[in-house]
């Protein structure tokens, strides 16, 4: 991958914010945006005044200025979003990290990226053998305690107010931020479902105060409306088991596992319905859904049938496996897994669309989750019974939200949430491994590699193009074809980007010489010969192999010049060459030339 132009003129970019983990700022925004170009005008927080126009190269002075103003989110250009076809433009890459000025045209950024990521890898290998494994239990966190003084900001948290006047979170992906006096976000914490939040949006809090608490050992089911609890399909000894605590003498009901029930109780689904005084079912706020809560196996119900419940009360608690020891694979194996885009062993299941969750009829060994959108279209997902679904019936989920805990797969994120979100996820995961070892790598290098992993796309519908549905084709070819078709007023193909692991991406390049020099030489060459492939000799490897000047550095200018001359008068030059060149000179050169055309 080489820098081939000054500016591709794209409007796209990546949104960068400070990296915050567990309340600590791991990487401030200034370090993430230093040496990059802005992708849109930067406005002064709270006003419409443009501070830095689009395409400003953020150097140390700019970064200090923006930090002093309290800018906490920037959209910057990135190699991933660059629209150049066969390379990256200098504006999307930004500053040359070795020299401190804008990157030169002809710089081989792909090689630089590979070396920047590979070199610290030696430090990772030494240590992996000693860390990792299942011994490191996560400390159970059960509250959010702010470190500094500031104002609270709630980010996409859906809350209800319980009887004691506190807020209870009834959403999963909520976060609490803490702003300093300039309105900059200093801390950010995740808030799990069912946590009690003791502050409201915009409240001032002192450093060291606890603003949210939850029970780390159980997962509560919280009511969103007040009413009378009505048990449905509770059958003693079949779907529920009475258990009395020997020490406290309190009795509670535990929902039995469907596997352990007799055939009569297999299809019963115990649930708590909320009804009013007349026994009419109550609806959830702002929806026409009944307020009913299905209880999963193992849930402990602490109230009696007919008991009245207030908003924010806990109907049942699902015991959490005591901090399941997360097996941390650290170090190089983890980095290799991410770059090879391997599917995780137990991937998280993400919602394929936004809508309301329902459960359908279970099949053997699998539970059926149905997500119904606002348009009434439903999407079904079959999930193995042993995997714990974290959402309840009637809950609203957004596209790409987690239905089942696990490690999300890059392919799923790309398909559902798009390139930018996927890039953000992979960059963060890869950086986490290196950061643990105290290694600093600029995000740019990882993005350059990701750009190469995203080179291919899959055709969804061919329309008027030459491509067939399901074909996997180089993005640049699709865009070329698209241009031609639009010019002729025809319908271009519909496609979606694919994520390929680095090995697969290297074998799937346009150039068969480059692929053959990498792995599986015979297979690559036989395939190329059967297809009658042509190698345009665009990249570095193929040019090294055939012994031409590489199209990087001064070689880029040399090739540009030759291409320009060929376009001027191909015949004149050919005659001249025939007259001047010695026969052995022209032979290889001309073959390479013709294929480069």
Foldseek 3Di string as FASTA:
>chain_A
DFAAAAALPDLAFFKDFFDADLFARPGHPLQQQAQAFFSAFDAQPPDRHGDRGGLDGHHPVNSVVNVVSQDGMTTTAAQQPAPDQQGHHQNNLGADVVPGHGDDGQAPLLVVLVCLLPVCLVVQVVCLVPDFFLPDFDDQDFFRAHAAKAWKAKDPFDWAQWPVGWTFTQDAAIKIFGAHPSRHTRTMGGDGHGKTAHDDHGDIDHHGDTGIGHDRFWDFDFFAAWAWKAKDLDDDPAQWDWDADPPPRAIWIFGAALVPGDPVRNQGWIKIFGAHPVRHFDAHPPDRHGRMWTDHGGKIARDDHGHIGHGGDTGIIHGDDVRRRDGDNFRDVQLQCLLQLPADPDAFDWAQAWAFWDWDGADVQWTWIWGAHPVRDIDIDTHGPVFDQPDTGGDTDHGGHTRTDDHHGLQSCCVTPNDNVSLVVSLVSNVVRCVVSVDDDRSNSVSVSQSLQQQKKAFCPAFPFPDHHGDIGGPSVLVVRVVVQVVVVGDGTDIGTGGHRSLVSQCPDLALQSNLVPDPNVVSVVVCVVVVRFGLLQAQVVCVVLVHDGCGDVNVVVVVVVVVVCVPPVVVVVVVCVVPPDVVVCPSVVVNVVSND
